[in-house]
């Protein structure tokens, strides 16, 4: 599976402009998963960019020529964020800041600069560096939003190299609050005995 030409071009151009800001950001969603070898049922149709609250104003300015709205606090279903949208030659781009997920009594917060950035894989797209949201984050996120098509495919990749993914997963579990049912799902999916200490 590959990106459409429009999506690939939008990803390259937006990443180039964002990198000029020297602010930390990560590519998540289906684009980030595809670049890490995760099997998807359908090709990516948009670009999901994540950053911390302190960076998103400058990142928004870098993409403002393609903006279709202003940055605004958004609360929808499980999610809370500072959200803005962009269109580039038919491709849709979302910039998500200060992203939080609440599912039942589980609370999960995305921390790009202090945690996720240090574990992000770098990918090259036509000479432009793009850092990818770690799979440990993507696994938890897709569990919380009940996307088995995603979390099963992500876990399949993570099981191949547990030593690569387990350290960040431990950090995410110790710094966030997940209900026992999610911890049990993680343990079953990954076959990591170390996860039992969080239940």
N, C-alpha and C. Protein backbone atom coordinates (compact mmCIF):
# COMPACT_ATOMS: atom_id res chain seq x y z
N UNK A 1 0.84 -1.19 0.00
CA UNK A 1 0.00 0.00 0.00
C UNK A 1 0.88 1.25 0.00
N UNK A 2 0.48 2.25 -0.75
CA UNK A 2 1.26 3.47 -0.86
C UNK A 2 0.38 4.70 -0.67
N UNK A 3 1.05 5.85 -0.49
CA UNK A 3 0.34 7.12 -0.45
C UNK A 3 -0.13 7.49 -1.85
N UNK A 4 -1.21 8.24 -1.92
CA UNK A 4 -1.55 8.88 -3.19
C UNK A 4 -0.51 9.95 -3.47
N UNK A 5 -0.38 10.32 -4.73
CA UNK A 5 0.60 11.34 -5.11
C UNK A 5 0.30 12.67 -4.42
N UNK A 6 -0.99 13.03 -4.34
CA UNK A 6 -1.37 14.29 -3.70
C UNK A 6 -1.01 14.28 -2.21
N UNK A 7 -1.28 13.17 -1.55
CA UNK A 7 -1.00 13.08 -0.12
C UNK A 7 0.51 13.10 0.15
N UNK A 8 1.25 12.38 -0.67
CA UNK A 8 2.71 12.35 -0.50
C UNK A 8 3.31 13.74 -0.69
N UNK A 9 2.83 14.46 -1.69
CA UNK A 9 3.34 15.80 -1.93
C UNK A 9 2.98 16.75 -0.79
N UNK A 10 1.76 16.63 -0.29
CA UNK A 10 1.33 17.47 0.84
C UNK A 10 2.15 17.17 2.09
N UNK A 11 2.44 15.89 2.30
CA UNK A 11 3.24 15.50 3.46
C UNK A 11 4.66 16.05 3.36
N UNK A 12 5.24 15.95 2.19
CA UNK A 12 6.60 16.45 1.98
C UNK A 12 6.65 17.96 2.18
N UNK A 13 5.72 18.69 1.56
CA UNK A 13 5.74 20.15 1.64
C UNK A 13 5.45 20.65 3.05
N UNK A 14 4.49 20.04 3.73
CA UNK A 14 4.18 20.48 5.09
C UNK A 14 5.32 20.15 6.04
N UNK A 15 5.93 18.97 5.89
CA UNK A 15 7.05 18.60 6.75
C UNK A 15 8.23 19.54 6.55
N UNK A 16 8.49 19.91 5.31
CA UNK A 16 9.59 20.84 5.02
C UNK A 16 9.37 22.17 5.74
N UNK A 17 8.17 22.71 5.63
CA UNK A 17 7.88 24.00 6.27
C UNK A 17 7.91 23.89 7.80
N UNK A 18 7.39 22.80 8.34
CA UNK A 18 7.39 22.63 9.79
C UNK A 18 8.80 22.47 10.33
N UNK A 19 9.66 21.78 9.61
CA UNK A 19 11.03 21.59 10.07
C UNK A 19 11.80 22.91 10.16
N UNK A 20 11.42 23.88 9.35
CA UNK A 20 12.08 25.18 9.39
C UNK A 20 11.84 25.92 10.70
N UNK A 21 10.80 25.54 11.43
CA UNK A 21 10.48 26.22 12.69
C UNK A 21 11.35 25.76 13.85
N UNK A 22 11.99 24.60 13.71
CA UNK A 22 12.78 23.99 14.79
C UNK A 22 11.92 23.60 16.00
N UNK A 23 10.62 23.54 15.82
CA UNK A 23 9.73 23.05 16.86
C UNK A 23 9.52 21.54 16.68
N UNK A 24 9.18 20.88 17.79
CA UNK A 24 9.00 19.43 17.76
C UNK A 24 7.58 19.09 17.32
N UNK A 25 7.48 18.18 16.37
CA UNK A 25 6.18 17.70 15.92
C UNK A 25 6.37 16.27 15.44
N UNK A 26 5.28 15.52 15.40
CA UNK A 26 5.34 14.12 14.98
C UNK A 26 4.19 13.83 14.02
N UNK A 27 4.46 12.95 13.09
CA UNK A 27 3.43 12.46 12.17
C UNK A 27 2.79 11.22 12.77
N UNK A 28 1.47 11.28 12.97
CA UNK A 28 0.75 10.13 13.51
C UNK A 28 -0.27 9.60 12.52
N UNK A 29 -1.28 8.91 13.04
CA UNK A 29 -2.35 8.41 12.19
C UNK A 29 -1.90 7.38 11.18
N UNK A 30 -2.71 7.22 10.14
CA UNK A 30 -2.45 6.18 9.15
C UNK A 30 -1.17 6.42 8.37
N UNK A 31 -0.81 7.68 8.14
CA UNK A 31 0.45 7.96 7.42
C UNK A 31 1.65 7.48 8.22
N UNK A 32 1.67 7.80 9.51
CA UNK A 32 2.76 7.36 10.36
C UNK A 32 2.83 5.85 10.49
N UNK A 33 1.67 5.22 10.56
CA UNK A 33 1.64 3.75 10.65
C UNK A 33 2.17 3.11 9.37
N UNK A 34 1.74 3.63 8.23
CA UNK A 34 2.18 3.06 6.96
C UNK A 34 3.70 3.15 6.81
N UNK A 35 4.28 4.27 7.22
CA UNK A 35 5.72 4.45 7.12
C UNK A 35 6.49 3.55 8.08
N UNK A 36 5.79 2.95 9.05
CA UNK A 36 6.43 2.02 9.98
C UNK A 36 6.06 0.57 9.70
N UNK A 37 5.47 0.34 8.54
CA UNK A 37 5.21 -1.03 8.11
C UNK A 37 3.96 -1.67 8.65
N UNK A 38 3.07 -0.89 9.26
CA UNK A 38 1.83 -1.43 9.80
C UNK A 38 0.84 -1.66 8.67
N UNK A 39 0.19 -2.83 8.67
CA UNK A 39 -0.78 -3.16 7.64
C UNK A 39 -2.08 -2.39 7.87
N UNK A 40 -2.53 -1.67 6.86
CA UNK A 40 -3.76 -0.90 6.93
C UNK A 40 -4.80 -1.50 6.00
N UNK A 41 -6.07 -1.39 6.39
CA UNK A 41 -7.15 -1.90 5.55
C UNK A 41 -7.43 -0.99 4.37
N UNK A 42 -7.21 0.31 4.58
CA UNK A 42 -7.43 1.29 3.51
C UNK A 42 -6.25 2.26 3.47
N UNK A 43 -5.97 2.84 2.31
CA UNK A 43 -4.86 3.79 2.21
C UNK A 43 -5.12 5.05 3.05
N UNK A 44 -4.07 5.73 3.50
CA UNK A 44 -4.25 6.99 4.23
C UNK A 44 -5.00 8.01 3.37
N UNK A 45 -5.86 8.78 4.02
CA UNK A 45 -6.62 9.80 3.28
C UNK A 45 -6.40 11.20 3.83
N UNK A 46 -5.67 11.31 4.96
CA UNK A 46 -5.34 12.63 5.49
C UNK A 46 -4.04 12.54 6.28
N UNK A 47 -3.56 13.69 6.74
CA UNK A 47 -2.29 13.80 7.45
C UNK A 47 -2.56 14.31 8.85
N UNK A 48 -2.09 13.56 9.86
CA UNK A 48 -2.30 13.93 11.26
C UNK A 48 -0.97 14.30 11.89
N UNK A 49 -0.85 15.55 12.33
CA UNK A 49 0.38 16.07 12.91
C UNK A 49 0.13 16.41 14.38
N UNK A 50 1.07 16.02 15.24
CA UNK A 50 0.89 16.22 16.68
C UNK A 50 2.02 17.06 17.26
N UNK A 51 1.67 17.92 18.21
CA UNK A 51 2.66 18.76 18.88
C UNK A 51 2.13 19.15 20.25
N UNK A 52 3.00 19.73 21.07
CA UNK A 52 2.59 20.20 22.38
C UNK A 52 2.01 21.61 22.26
N UNK A 53 1.31 22.03 23.31
CA UNK A 53 0.63 23.33 23.29
C UNK A 53 1.60 24.48 23.06
N UNK A 54 2.81 24.36 23.60
CA UNK A 54 3.77 25.44 23.47
C UNK A 54 4.35 25.63 22.09
N UNK A 55 4.12 24.68 21.20
CA UNK A 55 4.70 24.73 19.85
C UNK A 55 3.69 25.02 18.75
N UNK A 56 2.41 24.80 19.03
CA UNK A 56 1.46 24.76 17.91
C UNK A 56 1.21 26.12 17.27
N UNK A 57 1.39 27.21 18.00
CA UNK A 57 1.16 28.52 17.39
C UNK A 57 2.15 28.76 16.26
N UNK A 58 3.43 28.48 16.52
CA UNK A 58 4.46 28.68 15.49
C UNK A 58 4.30 27.66 14.36
N UNK A 59 3.94 26.42 14.70
CA UNK A 59 3.71 25.41 13.66
C UNK A 59 2.53 25.81 12.78
N UNK A 60 1.49 26.35 13.40
CA UNK A 60 0.33 26.82 12.63
C UNK A 60 0.74 27.93 11.66
N UNK A 61 1.58 28.83 12.12
CA UNK A 61 2.03 29.92 11.25
C UNK A 61 2.78 29.38 10.03
N UNK A 62 3.50 28.27 10.22
CA UNK A 62 4.25 27.68 9.10
C UNK A 62 3.32 27.11 8.04
N UNK A 63 2.12 26.71 8.45
CA UNK A 63 1.16 26.10 7.52
C UNK A 63 0.01 27.04 7.17
N UNK A 64 0.06 28.26 7.67
CA UNK A 64 -1.11 29.15 7.60
C UNK A 64 -1.56 29.45 6.18
N UNK A 65 -0.66 29.40 5.22
CA UNK A 65 -1.05 29.68 3.83
C UNK A 65 -2.04 28.65 3.29
N UNK A 66 -2.12 27.49 3.96
CA UNK A 66 -3.07 26.44 3.54
C UNK A 66 -4.24 26.31 4.51
N UNK A 67 -4.32 27.20 5.49
CA UNK A 67 -5.28 27.05 6.58
C UNK A 67 -6.72 27.24 6.10
N UNK A 68 -7.63 26.46 6.68
CA UNK A 68 -9.06 26.62 6.40
C UNK A 68 -9.82 27.05 7.65
N UNK A 69 -9.13 27.13 8.80
CA UNK A 69 -9.76 27.62 10.02
C UNK A 69 -8.67 28.10 10.98
N UNK A 70 -9.10 28.64 12.10
CA UNK A 70 -8.17 29.09 13.13
C UNK A 70 -8.00 27.99 14.18
N UNK A 71 -6.88 28.04 14.88
CA UNK A 71 -6.69 27.10 15.98
C UNK A 71 -7.75 27.33 17.05
N UNK A 72 -8.31 26.24 17.55
CA UNK A 72 -9.37 26.36 18.56
C UNK A 72 -9.36 25.13 19.46
N UNK A 73 -9.74 25.34 20.71
CA UNK A 73 -9.91 24.21 21.62
C UNK A 73 -11.07 23.37 21.12
N UNK A 74 -10.84 22.07 21.03
CA UNK A 74 -11.85 21.16 20.50
C UNK A 74 -12.06 20.01 21.48
N UNK A 75 -13.31 19.77 21.82
CA UNK A 75 -13.66 18.61 22.65
C UNK A 75 -14.73 17.82 21.91
N UNK A 76 -14.38 16.60 21.55
CA UNK A 76 -15.28 15.78 20.75
C UNK A 76 -15.16 14.33 21.20
N UNK A 77 -16.24 13.80 21.78
CA UNK A 77 -16.21 12.42 22.22
C UNK A 77 -15.13 12.18 23.26
N UNK A 78 -14.21 11.27 22.94
CA UNK A 78 -13.13 10.92 23.86
C UNK A 78 -12.02 11.95 23.89
N UNK A 79 -12.00 12.87 22.93
CA UNK A 79 -10.80 13.66 22.66
C UNK A 79 -10.91 15.12 23.09
N UNK A 80 -9.76 15.64 23.52
CA UNK A 80 -9.61 17.06 23.80
C UNK A 80 -8.30 17.52 23.18
N UNK A 81 -8.33 18.66 22.48
CA UNK A 81 -7.11 19.13 21.81
C UNK A 81 -7.26 20.59 21.40
N UNK A 82 -6.17 21.15 20.90
CA UNK A 82 -6.19 22.42 20.19
C UNK A 82 -6.01 22.07 18.73
N UNK A 83 -7.03 22.33 17.93
CA UNK A 83 -7.12 21.73 16.60
C UNK A 83 -7.18 22.80 15.50
N UNK A 84 -6.52 22.50 14.39
CA UNK A 84 -6.63 23.35 13.19
C UNK A 84 -6.49 22.47 11.95
N UNK A 85 -7.04 22.97 10.83
CA UNK A 85 -7.10 22.18 9.60
C UNK A 85 -6.53 22.95 8.41
N UNK A 86 -6.02 22.18 7.45
CA UNK A 86 -5.37 22.77 6.28
C UNK A 86 -5.68 21.92 5.06
N UNK A 87 -5.70 22.55 3.89
CA UNK A 87 -5.86 21.83 2.62
C UNK A 87 -4.69 22.19 1.71
N UNK A 88 -4.08 21.16 1.14
CA UNK A 88 -2.99 21.39 0.19
C UNK A 88 -3.26 20.54 -1.05
N UNK A 89 -3.66 21.17 -2.14
CA UNK A 89 -3.92 20.46 -3.40
C UNK A 89 -4.82 19.24 -3.21
N UNK A 90 -5.88 19.42 -2.44
CA UNK A 90 -6.84 18.35 -2.24
C UNK A 90 -6.56 17.45 -1.06
N UNK A 91 -5.38 17.56 -0.46
CA UNK A 91 -5.04 16.74 0.71
C UNK A 91 -5.41 17.47 1.99
N UNK A 92 -5.96 16.73 2.94
CA UNK A 92 -6.36 17.31 4.22
C UNK A 92 -5.27 17.09 5.26
N UNK A 93 -4.99 18.15 6.03
CA UNK A 93 -3.97 18.11 7.07
C UNK A 93 -4.60 18.59 8.38
N UNK A 94 -4.34 17.87 9.47
CA UNK A 94 -4.78 18.28 10.80
C UNK A 94 -3.55 18.52 11.67
N UNK A 95 -3.54 19.62 12.39
CA UNK A 95 -2.52 19.89 13.40
C UNK A 95 -3.19 19.80 14.76
N UNK A 96 -2.73 18.86 15.57
CA UNK A 96 -3.37 18.55 16.85
C UNK A 96 -2.41 18.89 17.98
N UNK A 97 -2.81 19.82 18.83
CA UNK A 97 -1.97 20.21 19.95
C UNK A 97 -2.57 19.81 21.28
N UNK A 98 -1.70 19.50 22.24
CA UNK A 98 -2.14 19.18 23.60
C UNK A 98 -3.25 18.12 23.60
N UNK A 99 -2.98 17.02 22.92
CA UNK A 99 -3.99 15.98 22.69
C UNK A 99 -4.17 15.11 23.93
N UNK A 100 -5.43 14.95 24.34
CA UNK A 100 -5.76 14.11 25.49
C UNK A 100 -6.93 13.20 25.12
N UNK A 101 -6.91 11.99 25.70
CA UNK A 101 -7.99 11.02 25.48
C UNK A 101 -8.53 10.59 26.83
N UNK A 102 -9.85 10.61 26.97
CA UNK A 102 -10.50 10.11 28.18
C UNK A 102 -11.52 9.06 27.77
N UNK A 103 -11.31 7.83 28.25
CA UNK A 103 -12.22 6.72 27.95
C UNK A 103 -12.59 6.06 29.26
N UNK A 104 -13.82 6.29 29.72
CA UNK A 104 -14.20 5.80 31.03
C UNK A 104 -13.36 6.47 32.10
N UNK A 105 -12.67 5.67 32.91
CA UNK A 105 -11.77 6.23 33.94
C UNK A 105 -10.31 6.25 33.47
N UNK A 106 -10.09 5.96 32.21
CA UNK A 106 -8.73 6.02 31.65
C UNK A 106 -8.45 7.42 31.12
N UNK A 107 -7.24 7.90 31.41
CA UNK A 107 -6.82 9.22 30.94
C UNK A 107 -5.44 9.10 30.32
N UNK A 108 -5.31 9.61 29.10
CA UNK A 108 -4.06 9.50 28.36
C UNK A 108 -3.73 10.84 27.72
N UNK A 109 -2.49 11.30 27.89
CA UNK A 109 -2.06 12.59 27.36
C UNK A 109 -0.83 12.42 26.49
N UNK A 110 -0.84 13.07 25.33
CA UNK A 110 0.29 13.03 24.40
C UNK A 110 1.29 14.11 24.79
N UNK A 111 2.52 13.69 25.07
CA UNK A 111 3.60 14.61 25.41
C UNK A 111 4.73 14.42 24.40
N UNK A 112 4.74 15.29 23.43
CA UNK A 112 5.69 15.15 22.32
C UNK A 112 7.11 15.47 22.75
N UNK A 113 7.32 16.65 23.29
CA UNK A 113 8.69 17.12 23.53
C UNK A 113 9.39 16.38 24.65
N UNK A 114 8.69 16.09 25.73
CA UNK A 114 9.35 15.50 26.90
C UNK A 114 9.43 13.99 26.85
N UNK A 115 8.72 13.35 25.94
CA UNK A 115 8.72 11.89 25.94
C UNK A 115 8.72 11.27 24.54
N UNK A 116 7.70 11.51 23.77
CA UNK A 116 7.53 10.77 22.52
C UNK A 116 8.61 11.09 21.49
N UNK A 117 9.06 12.33 21.44
CA UNK A 117 10.07 12.73 20.46
C UNK A 117 11.35 11.91 20.60
N UNK A 118 11.71 11.58 21.84
CA UNK A 118 12.95 10.84 22.08
C UNK A 118 12.90 9.41 21.54
N UNK A 119 11.70 8.91 21.33
CA UNK A 119 11.53 7.54 20.86
C UNK A 119 11.01 7.47 19.42
N UNK A 120 10.94 8.62 18.76
CA UNK A 120 10.35 8.67 17.42
C UNK A 120 11.34 8.22 16.35
N UNK A 121 10.89 7.37 15.47
CA UNK A 121 11.68 6.93 14.32
C UNK A 121 11.68 8.03 13.27
N UNK A 122 12.84 8.26 12.66
CA UNK A 122 12.93 9.26 11.59
C UNK A 122 12.78 8.58 10.23
N UNK A 123 11.94 9.15 9.38
CA UNK A 123 11.74 8.65 8.03
C UNK A 123 12.12 9.76 7.04
N UNK A 124 12.57 9.36 5.86
CA UNK A 124 12.92 10.33 4.82
C UNK A 124 11.93 10.22 3.67
N UNK A 125 11.40 11.36 3.27
CA UNK A 125 10.49 11.41 2.13
C UNK A 125 11.02 12.43 1.14
N UNK A 126 11.61 11.94 0.08
CA UNK A 126 12.20 12.81 -0.95
C UNK A 126 13.14 13.85 -0.33
N UNK A 127 13.97 13.37 0.59
CA UNK A 127 14.97 14.23 1.20
C UNK A 127 14.50 15.04 2.40
N UNK A 128 13.24 14.93 2.76
CA UNK A 128 12.69 15.67 3.90
C UNK A 128 12.53 14.71 5.08
N UNK A 129 13.05 15.09 6.23
CA UNK A 129 12.97 14.24 7.42
C UNK A 129 11.62 14.40 8.11
N UNK A 130 11.02 13.26 8.42
CA UNK A 130 9.73 13.24 9.12
C UNK A 130 9.87 12.29 10.29
N UNK A 131 9.60 12.78 11.49
CA UNK A 131 9.67 11.92 12.67
C UNK A 131 8.27 11.38 12.96
N UNK A 132 8.22 10.07 13.26
CA UNK A 132 6.96 9.35 13.33
C UNK A 132 6.54 9.07 14.77
N UNK A 133 5.25 9.19 15.01
CA UNK A 133 4.70 8.89 16.33
C UNK A 133 5.01 7.43 16.68
N UNK A 134 5.63 7.17 17.83
CA UNK A 134 6.01 5.79 18.19
C UNK A 134 4.81 4.85 18.23
N UNK A 135 5.08 3.59 17.91
CA UNK A 135 4.01 2.59 17.88
C UNK A 135 3.42 2.33 19.26
N UNK A 136 4.20 2.50 20.32
CA UNK A 136 3.66 2.30 21.67
C UNK A 136 2.52 3.28 21.93
N UNK A 137 2.68 4.51 21.49
CA UNK A 137 1.58 5.48 21.60
C UNK A 137 0.40 5.04 20.75
N UNK A 138 0.67 4.68 19.51
CA UNK A 138 -0.41 4.33 18.59
C UNK A 138 -1.20 3.13 19.09
N UNK A 139 -0.52 2.20 19.75
CA UNK A 139 -1.21 1.03 20.29
C UNK A 139 -2.19 1.44 21.38
N UNK A 140 -1.73 2.24 22.34
CA UNK A 140 -2.60 2.69 23.42
C UNK A 140 -3.76 3.52 22.88
N UNK A 141 -3.45 4.45 22.00
CA UNK A 141 -4.47 5.33 21.43
C UNK A 141 -5.57 4.53 20.73
N UNK A 142 -5.18 3.54 19.95
CA UNK A 142 -6.18 2.77 19.21
C UNK A 142 -6.93 1.78 20.08
N UNK A 143 -6.32 1.36 21.20
CA UNK A 143 -7.07 0.58 22.18
C UNK A 143 -8.17 1.44 22.81
N UNK A 144 -7.81 2.65 23.20
CA UNK A 144 -8.76 3.52 23.88
C UNK A 144 -9.92 3.91 22.97
N UNK A 145 -9.68 3.97 21.67
CA UNK A 145 -10.78 4.33 20.76
C UNK A 145 -11.39 3.10 20.07
N UNK A 146 -11.00 1.93 20.56
CA UNK A 146 -11.62 0.67 20.13
C UNK A 146 -11.51 0.45 18.63
N UNK A 147 -10.26 0.48 18.14
CA UNK A 147 -9.99 0.21 16.73
C UNK A 147 -9.15 -1.06 16.60
N UNK A 148 -9.79 -2.24 16.70
CA UNK A 148 -9.03 -3.49 16.63
C UNK A 148 -8.28 -3.68 15.33
N UNK A 149 -8.81 -3.13 14.23
CA UNK A 149 -8.10 -3.25 12.96
C UNK A 149 -6.73 -2.59 13.04
N UNK A 150 -6.64 -1.52 13.82
CA UNK A 150 -5.38 -0.81 13.99
C UNK A 150 -4.51 -1.47 15.07
N UNK A 151 -5.08 -1.67 16.27
CA UNK A 151 -4.21 -2.10 17.36
C UNK A 151 -3.68 -3.52 17.17
N UNK A 152 -4.43 -4.38 16.49
CA UNK A 152 -3.91 -5.72 16.22
C UNK A 152 -2.75 -5.68 15.24
N UNK A 153 -2.86 -4.85 14.22
CA UNK A 153 -1.78 -4.71 13.24
C UNK A 153 -0.54 -4.06 13.86
N UNK A 154 -0.75 -3.09 14.75
CA UNK A 154 0.37 -2.44 15.43
C UNK A 154 1.08 -3.43 16.34
N UNK A 155 0.31 -4.19 17.11
CA UNK A 155 0.90 -5.17 18.03
C UNK A 155 1.71 -6.21 17.28
N UNK A 156 1.27 -6.57 16.09
CA UNK A 156 2.00 -7.55 15.28
C UNK A 156 3.42 -7.06 14.99
N UNK A 157 3.55 -5.79 14.68
CA UNK A 157 4.88 -5.21 14.44
C UNK A 157 5.68 -5.13 15.73
N UNK A 158 5.06 -4.72 16.82
CA UNK A 158 5.77 -4.53 18.08
C UNK A 158 6.28 -5.84 18.66
N UNK A 159 5.57 -6.93 18.42
CA UNK A 159 6.01 -8.23 18.96
C UNK A 159 7.32 -8.70 18.34
N UNK A 160 7.65 -8.21 17.17
CA UNK A 160 8.88 -8.63 16.49
C UNK A 160 10.12 -8.12 17.23
N UNK A 161 10.04 -6.90 17.78
CA UNK A 161 11.17 -6.30 18.49
C UNK A 161 10.69 -5.70 19.82
N UNK A 162 10.34 -6.55 20.77
CA UNK A 162 9.83 -6.03 22.04
C UNK A 162 10.82 -5.14 22.77
N UNK A 163 12.11 -5.41 22.59
CA UNK A 163 13.12 -4.61 23.29
C UNK A 163 13.14 -3.16 22.79
N UNK A 164 12.66 -2.94 21.58
CA UNK A 164 12.61 -1.58 21.03
C UNK A 164 11.42 -0.80 21.60
N UNK A 165 10.30 -1.47 21.77
CA UNK A 165 9.05 -0.78 22.11
C UNK A 165 8.70 -0.80 23.60
N UNK A 166 9.17 -1.81 24.33
CA UNK A 166 8.78 -1.96 25.73
C UNK A 166 9.19 -0.78 26.62
N UNK A 167 10.39 -0.20 26.47
CA UNK A 167 10.76 0.90 27.37
C UNK A 167 9.80 2.09 27.31
N UNK A 168 9.43 2.52 26.11
CA UNK A 168 8.49 3.64 26.00
C UNK A 168 7.11 3.24 26.50
N UNK A 169 6.68 2.03 26.19
CA UNK A 169 5.37 1.58 26.66
C UNK A 169 5.31 1.64 28.18
N UNK A 170 6.38 1.20 28.85
CA UNK A 170 6.43 1.28 30.31
C UNK A 170 6.31 2.73 30.78
N UNK A 171 7.00 3.64 30.12
CA UNK A 171 6.93 5.05 30.50
C UNK A 171 5.53 5.61 30.31
N UNK A 172 4.89 5.25 29.21
CA UNK A 172 3.54 5.74 28.94
C UNK A 172 2.54 5.21 29.97
N UNK A 173 2.70 3.96 30.35
CA UNK A 173 1.78 3.37 31.32
C UNK A 173 1.99 3.93 32.72
N UNK A 174 3.22 4.28 33.05
CA UNK A 174 3.50 4.82 34.38
C UNK A 174 3.10 6.29 34.50
N UNK A 175 3.00 6.99 33.38
CA UNK A 175 2.67 8.42 33.42
C UNK A 175 1.23 8.72 33.03
N UNK A 176 0.46 7.69 32.69
CA UNK A 176 -0.95 7.85 32.36
C UNK A 176 -1.77 6.84 33.16
N UNK A 177 -3.07 6.97 33.10
CA UNK A 177 -3.95 6.09 33.86
C UNK A 177 -4.81 5.28 32.90
N UNK A 178 -4.60 3.95 32.90
CA UNK A 178 -5.40 3.06 32.06
C UNK A 178 -6.13 2.05 32.92
N UNK A 179 -7.39 1.81 32.59
CA UNK A 179 -8.18 0.81 33.30
C UNK A 179 -7.58 -0.58 33.11
N UNK A 180 -7.88 -1.46 34.05
CA UNK A 180 -7.33 -2.82 34.01
C UNK A 180 -7.67 -3.54 32.71
N UNK A 181 -8.86 -3.28 32.16
CA UNK A 181 -9.24 -4.00 30.94
C UNK A 181 -8.30 -3.67 29.79
N UNK A 182 -7.82 -2.43 29.74
CA UNK A 182 -6.87 -2.06 28.68
C UNK A 182 -5.50 -2.66 28.94
N UNK A 183 -5.10 -2.70 30.21
CA UNK A 183 -3.81 -3.31 30.55
C UNK A 183 -3.80 -4.80 30.20
N UNK A 184 -4.92 -5.46 30.44
CA UNK A 184 -5.01 -6.88 30.11
C UNK A 184 -4.98 -7.09 28.60
N UNK A 185 -5.63 -6.20 27.86
CA UNK A 185 -5.58 -6.28 26.40
C UNK A 185 -4.16 -6.09 25.89
N UNK A 186 -3.45 -5.11 26.46
CA UNK A 186 -2.07 -4.87 26.06
C UNK A 186 -1.21 -6.09 26.33
N UNK A 187 -1.37 -6.67 27.50
CA UNK A 187 -0.58 -7.84 27.87
C UNK A 187 -0.84 -9.01 26.93
N UNK A 188 -2.10 -9.20 26.56
CA UNK A 188 -2.46 -10.28 25.64
C UNK A 188 -1.93 -10.02 24.23
N UNK A 189 -2.08 -8.80 23.77
CA UNK A 189 -1.65 -8.44 22.42
C UNK A 189 -0.14 -8.56 22.25
N UNK A 190 0.60 -8.14 23.27
CA UNK A 190 2.05 -8.03 23.14
C UNK A 190 2.81 -9.18 23.76
N UNK A 191 2.13 -9.91 24.67
CA UNK A 191 2.79 -11.00 25.39
C UNK A 191 3.96 -10.46 26.21
N UNK A 192 3.77 -9.25 26.79
CA UNK A 192 4.78 -8.65 27.67
C UNK A 192 4.38 -8.95 29.12
N UNK A 193 5.09 -9.81 29.78
CA UNK A 193 4.76 -10.13 31.17
C UNK A 193 4.98 -8.93 32.09
N UNK A 194 5.85 -8.00 31.69
CA UNK A 194 6.16 -6.84 32.54
C UNK A 194 4.96 -5.93 32.73
N UNK A 195 3.95 -6.02 31.88
CA UNK A 195 2.79 -5.14 31.98
C UNK A 195 1.92 -5.48 33.18
N UNK A 196 2.09 -6.66 33.76
CA UNK A 196 1.25 -7.08 34.87
C UNK A 196 1.40 -6.15 36.08
N UNK A 197 2.54 -5.49 36.21
CA UNK A 197 2.77 -4.63 37.38
C UNK A 197 1.87 -3.41 37.38
N UNK A 198 1.25 -3.07 36.25
CA UNK A 198 0.39 -1.88 36.19
C UNK A 198 -1.07 -2.20 36.51
N UNK A 199 -1.39 -3.47 36.65
CA UNK A 199 -2.79 -3.85 36.90
C UNK A 199 -3.09 -3.89 38.39
